[in-house]
Amino acid sequence: MPRISGVHHRDAVRALKKLGYQIVRQSGHVIISNGETRLVIPRANPVDPYTMGAIARDAGLTP
């Protein structure tokens, strides 16, 4: 997997909301869903690059 930089969890949620995901619930992690796929984003600053790459891959994006 190509290396991508870490991003703040709010930036990740904002980008995924533009793709049609909506926040389901929030606690120590932010759970978002588009009706088919559920993604878990940790509340971290920054989210680890490997974790962000896996979230992007699960969302159907390329890093």
PDB file of N, CA and C in Angstrom:
ATOM      1  N   MET A   1       0.848  -1.161   0.000  1.00  0.00           N
ATOM      2  CA  MET A   1       0.000   0.000   0.000  1.00  0.00           C
ATOM      3  C   MET A   1       0.899   1.230   0.000  1.00  0.00           C
ATOM      4  N   PRO A   2       0.611   2.203  -0.865  1.00  0.00           N
ATOM      5  CA  PRO A   2       1.424   3.411  -0.885  1.00  0.00           C
ATOM      6  C   PRO A   2       1.304   4.188   0.418  1.00  0.00           C
ATOM      7  N   ARG A   3       2.362   4.834   0.768  1.00  0.00           N
ATOM      8  CA  ARG A   3       2.361   5.623   2.001  1.00  0.00           C
ATOM      9  C   ARG A   3       1.611   6.928   1.782  1.00  0.00           C
ATOM     10  N   ILE A   4       0.665   7.226   2.671  1.00  0.00           N
ATOM     11  CA  ILE A   4      -0.030   8.502   2.639  1.00  0.00           C
ATOM     12  C   ILE A   4       0.190   9.169   3.985  1.00  0.00           C
ATOM     13  N   SER A   5       0.058  10.456   4.010  1.00  0.00           N
ATOM     14  CA  SER A   5       0.295  11.160   5.261  1.00  0.00           C
ATOM     15  C   SER A   5      -0.889  11.004   6.196  1.00  0.00           C
ATOM     16  N   GLY A   6      -0.640  11.136   7.484  1.00  0.00           N
ATOM     17  CA  GLY A   6      -1.703  11.083   8.463  1.00  0.00           C
ATOM     18  C   GLY A   6      -2.543  12.346   8.381  1.00  0.00           C
ATOM     19  N   VAL A   7      -3.826  12.211   8.674  1.00  0.00           N
ATOM     20  CA  VAL A   7      -4.723  13.363   8.645  1.00  0.00           C
ATOM     21  C   VAL A   7      -5.495  13.414   9.958  1.00  0.00           C
ATOM     22  N   HIS A   8      -6.007  14.561  10.282  1.00  0.00           N
ATOM     23  CA  HIS A   8      -6.832  14.727  11.470  1.00  0.00           C
ATOM     24  C   HIS A   8      -8.158  14.006  11.227  1.00  0.00           C
ATOM     25  N   HIS A   9      -8.742  13.425  12.261  1.00  0.00           N
ATOM     26  CA  HIS A   9      -9.967  12.643  12.072  1.00  0.00           C
ATOM     27  C   HIS A   9     -11.107  13.500  11.538  1.00  0.00           C
ATOM     28  N   ARG A  10     -11.160  14.778  11.893  1.00  0.00           N
ATOM     29  CA  ARG A  10     -12.225  15.656  11.377  1.00  0.00           C
ATOM     30  C   ARG A  10     -12.109  15.845   9.871  1.00  0.00           C
ATOM     31  N   ASP A  11     -10.892  15.933   9.359  1.00  0.00           N
ATOM     32  CA  ASP A  11     -10.693  16.070   7.913  1.00  0.00           C
ATOM     33  C   ASP A  11     -11.114  14.794   7.185  1.00  0.00           C
ATOM     34  N   ALA A  12     -10.830  13.639   7.793  1.00  0.00           N
ATOM     35  CA  ALA A  12     -11.234  12.371   7.191  1.00  0.00           C
ATOM     36  C   ALA A  12     -12.754  12.255   7.146  1.00  0.00           C
ATOM     37  N   VAL A  13     -13.418  12.614   8.241  1.00  0.00           N
ATOM     38  CA  VAL A  13     -14.883  12.546   8.286  1.00  0.00           C
ATOM     39  C   VAL A  13     -15.476  13.520   7.271  1.00  0.00           C
ATOM     40  N   ARG A  14     -14.920  14.712   7.192  1.00  0.00           N
ATOM     41  CA  ARG A  14     -15.419  15.729   6.249  1.00  0.00           C
ATOM     42  C   ARG A  14     -15.315  15.226   4.809  1.00  0.00           C
ATOM     43  N   ALA A  15     -14.200  14.611   4.461  1.00  0.00           N
ATOM     44  CA  ALA A  15     -14.012  14.107   3.101  1.00  0.00           C
ATOM     45  C   ALA A  15     -14.975  12.967   2.797  1.00  0.00           C
ATOM     46  N   LEU A  16     -15.183  12.082   3.761  1.00  0.00           N
ATOM     47  CA  LEU A  16     -16.084  10.951   3.526  1.00  0.00           C
ATOM     48  C   LEU A  16     -17.541  11.389   3.495  1.00  0.00           C
ATOM     49  N   LYS A  17     -17.888  12.443   4.215  1.00  0.00           N
ATOM     50  CA  LYS A  17     -19.257  12.964   4.152  1.00  0.00           C
ATOM     51  C   LYS A  17     -19.559  13.513   2.767  1.00  0.00           C
ATOM     52  N   LYS A  18     -18.563  14.061   2.082  1.00  0.00           N
ATOM     53  CA  LYS A  18     -18.751  14.545   0.719  1.00  0.00           C
ATOM     54  C   LYS A  18     -19.027  13.395  -0.246  1.00  0.00           C
ATOM     55  N   LEU A  19     -18.629  12.179   0.139  1.00  0.00           N
ATOM     56  CA  LEU A  19     -18.849  10.995  -0.698  1.00  0.00           C
ATOM     57  C   LEU A  19     -20.152  10.282  -0.365  1.00  0.00           C
ATOM     58  N   GLY A  20     -20.951  10.862   0.529  1.00  0.00           N
ATOM     59  CA  GLY A  20     -22.252  10.277   0.833  1.00  0.00           C
ATOM     60  C   GLY A  20     -22.335   9.531   2.151  1.00  0.00           C
ATOM     61  N   TYR A  21     -21.266   9.518   2.925  1.00  0.00           N
ATOM     62  CA  TYR A  21     -21.301   8.861   4.232  1.00  0.00           C
ATOM     63  C   TYR A  21     -21.921   9.802   5.253  1.00  0.00           C
ATOM     64  N   GLN A  22     -22.604   9.241   6.240  1.00  0.00           N
ATOM     65  CA  GLN A  22     -23.202  10.034   7.305  1.00  0.00           C
ATOM     66  C   GLN A  22     -22.771   9.467   8.648  1.00  0.00           C
ATOM     67  N   ILE A  23     -22.658  10.333   9.638  1.00  0.00           N
ATOM     68  CA  ILE A  23     -22.252   9.902  10.971  1.00  0.00           C
ATOM     69  C   ILE A  23     -23.386   9.129  11.607  1.00  0.00           C
ATOM     70  N   VAL A  24     -23.082   7.920  12.082  1.00  0.00           N
ATOM     71  CA  VAL A  24     -24.064   7.085  12.764  1.00  0.00           C
ATOM     72  C   VAL A  24     -24.001   7.350  14.257  1.00  0.00           C
ATOM     73  N   ARG A  25     -22.778   7.335  14.806  1.00  0.00           N
ATOM     74  CA  ARG A  25     -22.609   7.633  16.227  1.00  0.00           C
ATOM     75  C   ARG A  25     -21.157   8.013  16.477  1.00  0.00           C
ATOM     76  N   GLN A  26     -20.924   8.613  17.642  1.00  0.00           N
ATOM     77  CA  GLN A  26     -19.587   9.064  18.004  1.00  0.00           C
ATOM     78  C   GLN A  26     -19.309   8.707  19.454  1.00  0.00           C
ATOM     79  N   SER A  27     -18.108   8.287  19.714  1.00  0.00           N
ATOM     80  CA  SER A  27     -17.619   8.086  21.081  1.00  0.00           C
ATOM     81  C   SER A  27     -16.108   8.236  20.988  1.00  0.00           C
ATOM     82  N   GLY A  28     -15.364   7.215  21.317  1.00  0.00           N
ATOM     83  CA  GLY A  28     -13.919   7.254  21.143  1.00  0.00           C
ATOM     84  C   GLY A  28     -13.551   7.123  19.686  1.00  0.00           C
ATOM     85  N   HIS A  29     -14.492   6.647  18.874  1.00  0.00           N
ATOM     86  CA  HIS A  29     -14.339   6.518  17.435  1.00  0.00           C
ATOM     87  C   HIS A  29     -15.557   7.154  16.779  1.00  0.00           C
ATOM     88  N   VAL A  30     -15.422   7.517  15.528  1.00  0.00           N
ATOM     89  CA  VAL A  30     -16.550   8.036  14.763  1.00  0.00           C
ATOM     90  C   VAL A  30     -16.986   6.932  13.816  1.00  0.00           C
ATOM     91  N   ILE A  31     -18.245   6.525  13.901  1.00  0.00           N
ATOM     92  CA  ILE A  31     -18.795   5.479  13.043  1.00  0.00           C
ATOM     93  C   ILE A  31     -19.603   6.181  11.961  1.00  0.00           C
ATOM     94  N   ILE A  32     -19.235   5.943  10.690  1.00  0.00           N
ATOM     95  CA  ILE A  32     -19.974   6.533   9.591  1.00  0.00           C
ATOM     96  C   ILE A  32     -20.406   5.432   8.632  1.00  0.00           C
ATOM     97  N   SER A  33     -21.496   5.671   7.918  1.00  0.00           N
ATOM     98  CA  SER A  33     -22.041   4.666   7.026  1.00  0.00           C
ATOM     99  C   SER A  33     -22.668   5.333   5.814  1.00  0.00           C
ATOM    100  N   ASN A  34     -22.686   4.599   4.708  1.00  0.00           N
ATOM    101  CA  ASN A  34     -23.380   5.073   3.515  1.00  0.00           C
ATOM    102  C   ASN A  34     -24.586   4.183   3.204  1.00  0.00           C
ATOM    103  N   GLY A  35     -24.991   3.365   4.143  1.00  0.00           N
ATOM    104  CA  GLY A  35     -26.107   2.455   3.951  1.00  0.00           C
ATOM    105  C   GLY A  35     -25.643   1.038   3.654  1.00  0.00           C
ATOM    106  N   GLU A  36     -24.494   0.904   3.002  1.00  0.00           N
ATOM    107  CA  GLU A  36     -23.942  -0.411   2.688  1.00  0.00           C
ATOM    108  C   GLU A  36     -22.693  -0.703   3.505  1.00  0.00           C
ATOM    109  N   THR A  37     -21.816   0.275   3.578  1.00  0.00           N
ATOM    110  CA  THR A  37     -20.516   0.111   4.220  1.00  0.00           C
ATOM    111  C   THR A  37     -20.451   0.945   5.486  1.00  0.00           C
ATOM    112  N   ARG A  38     -19.936   0.340   6.543  1.00  0.00           N
ATOM    113  CA  ARG A  38     -19.732   1.054   7.803  1.00  0.00           C
ATOM    114  C   ARG A  38     -18.236   1.209   8.023  1.00  0.00           C
ATOM    115  N   LEU A  39     -17.814   2.423   8.318  1.00  0.00           N
ATOM    116  CA  LEU A  39     -16.405   2.710   8.548  1.00  0.00           C
ATOM    117  C   LEU A  39     -16.208   3.232   9.959  1.00  0.00           C
ATOM    118  N   VAL A  40     -15.100   2.848  10.569  1.00  0.00           N
ATOM    119  CA  VAL A  40     -14.758   3.286  11.917  1.00  0.00           C
ATOM    120  C   VAL A  40     -13.498   4.141  11.815  1.00  0.00           C
ATOM    121  N   ILE A  41     -13.617   5.395  12.263  1.00  0.00           N
ATOM    122  CA  ILE A  41     -12.486   6.314  12.221  1.00  0.00           C
ATOM    123  C   ILE A  41     -12.108   6.665  13.653  1.00  0.00           C
ATOM    124  N   PRO A  42     -10.874   6.360  14.067  1.00  0.00           N
ATOM    125  CA  PRO A  42     -10.468   6.707  15.426  1.00  0.00           C
ATOM    126  C   PRO A  42     -10.329   8.213  15.588  1.00  0.00           C
ATOM    127  N   ARG A  43     -10.639   8.698  16.778  1.00  0.00           N
ATOM    128  CA  ARG A  43     -10.449  10.120  17.064  1.00  0.00           C
ATOM    129  C   ARG A  43      -8.992  10.306  17.459  1.00  0.00           C
ATOM    130  N   ALA A  44      -8.189  10.658  16.483  1.00  0.00           N
ATOM    131  CA  ALA A  44      -6.759  10.832  16.726  1.00  0.00           C
ATOM    132  C   ALA A  44      -6.277  12.003  15.891  1.00  0.00           C
ATOM    133  N   ASN A  45      -5.200  12.600  16.332  1.00  0.00           N
ATOM    134  CA  ASN A  45      -4.606  13.679  15.582  1.00  0.00           C
ATOM    135  C   ASN A  45      -3.116  13.431  15.497  1.00  0.00           C
ATOM    136  N   PRO A  46      -2.595  12.967  14.405  1.00  0.00           N
ATOM    137  CA  PRO A  46      -3.269  12.535  13.188  1.00  0.00           C
ATOM    138  C   PRO A  46      -3.633  11.061  13.249  1.00  0.00           C
ATOM    139  N   VAL A  47      -4.556  10.662  12.380  1.00  0.00           N
ATOM    140  CA  VAL A  47      -4.862   9.238  12.220  1.00  0.00           C
ATOM    141  C   VAL A  47      -3.653   8.630  11.530  1.00  0.00           C
ATOM    142  N   ASP A  48      -3.186   7.498  12.017  1.00  0.00           N
ATOM    143  CA  ASP A  48      -2.011   6.824  11.473  1.00  0.00           C
ATOM    144  C   ASP A  48      -2.167   6.625   9.958  1.00  0.00           C
ATOM    145  N   PRO A  49      -1.110   6.834   9.178  1.00  0.00           N
ATOM    146  CA  PRO A  49      -1.218   6.701   7.721  1.00  0.00           C
ATOM    147  C   PRO A  49      -1.691   5.327   7.258  1.00  0.00           C
ATOM    148  N   TYR A  50      -1.240   4.267   7.920  1.00  0.00           N
ATOM    149  CA  TYR A  50      -1.665   2.932   7.520  1.00  0.00           C
ATOM    150  C   TYR A  50      -3.142   2.709   7.830  1.00  0.00           C
ATOM    151  N   THR A  51      -3.597   3.233   8.950  1.00  0.00           N
ATOM    152  CA  THR A  51      -5.010   3.149   9.294  1.00  0.00           C
ATOM    153  C   THR A  51      -5.840   3.946   8.300  1.00  0.00           C
ATOM    154  N   MET A  52      -5.388   5.137   7.951  1.00  0.00           N
ATOM    155  CA  MET A  52      -6.121   5.975   6.991  1.00  0.00           C
ATOM    156  C   MET A  52      -6.158   5.315   5.624  1.00  0.00           C
ATOM    157  N   GLY A  53      -5.081   4.658   5.245  1.00  0.00           N
ATOM    158  CA  GLY A  53      -5.055   3.932   3.972  1.00  0.00           C
ATOM    159  C   GLY A  53      -6.056   2.792   3.952  1.00  0.00           C
ATOM    160  N   ALA A  54      -6.184   2.085   5.077  1.00  0.00           N
ATOM    161  CA  ALA A  54      -7.148   0.987   5.164  1.00  0.00           C
ATOM    162  C   ALA A  54      -8.577   1.524   5.130  1.00  0.00           C
ATOM    163  N   ILE A  55      -8.827   2.659   5.777  1.00  0.00           N
ATOM    164  CA  ILE A  55     -10.161   3.270   5.752  1.00  0.00           C
ATOM    165  C   ILE A  55     -10.502   3.695   4.328  1.00  0.00           C
ATOM    166  N   ALA A  56      -9.549   4.304   3.632  1.00  0.00           N
ATOM    167  CA  ALA A  56      -9.771   4.721   2.252  1.00  0.00           C
ATOM    168  C   ALA A  56     -10.033   3.518   1.349  1.00  0.00           C
ATOM    169  N   ARG A  57      -9.298   2.440   1.551  1.00  0.00           N
ATOM    170  CA  ARG A  57      -9.499   1.229   0.755  1.00  0.00           C
ATOM    171  C   ARG A  57     -10.883   0.629   1.030  1.00  0.00           C
ATOM    172  N   ASP A  58     -11.304   0.605   2.288  1.00  0.00           N
ATOM    173  CA  ASP A  58     -12.623   0.079   2.629  1.00  0.00           C
ATOM    174  C   ASP A  58     -13.740   0.932   2.047  1.00  0.00           C
ATOM    175  N   ALA A  59     -13.479   2.233   1.891  1.00  0.00           N
ATOM    176  CA  ALA A  59     -14.479   3.145   1.321  1.00  0.00           C
ATOM    177  C   ALA A  59     -14.506   3.054  -0.203  1.00  0.00           C
ATOM    178  N   GLY A  60     -13.568   2.313  -0.785  1.00  0.00           N
ATOM    179  CA  GLY A  60     -13.523   2.155  -2.231  1.00  0.00           C
ATOM    180  C   GLY A  60     -12.693   3.229  -2.907  1.00  0.00           C
ATOM    181  N   LEU A  61     -11.832   3.896  -2.150  1.00  0.00           N
ATOM    182  CA  LEU A  61     -10.968   4.943  -2.698  1.00  0.00           C
ATOM    183  C   LEU A  61      -9.551   4.426  -2.854  1.00  0.00           C
ATOM    184  N   THR A  62      -8.772   5.157  -3.629  1.00  0.00           N
ATOM    185  CA  THR A  62      -7.347   4.874  -3.686  1.00  0.00           C
ATOM    186  C   THR A  62      -6.631   5.911  -2.838  1.00  0.00           C
ATOM    187  N   PRO A  63      -5.603   5.506  -2.137  1.00  0.00           N
ATOM    188  CA  PRO A  63      -4.892   6.470  -1.268  1.00  0.00           C
ATOM    189  C   PRO A  63      -4.316   7.609  -2.068  1.00  0.00           C
TER     190      PRO A  63
END
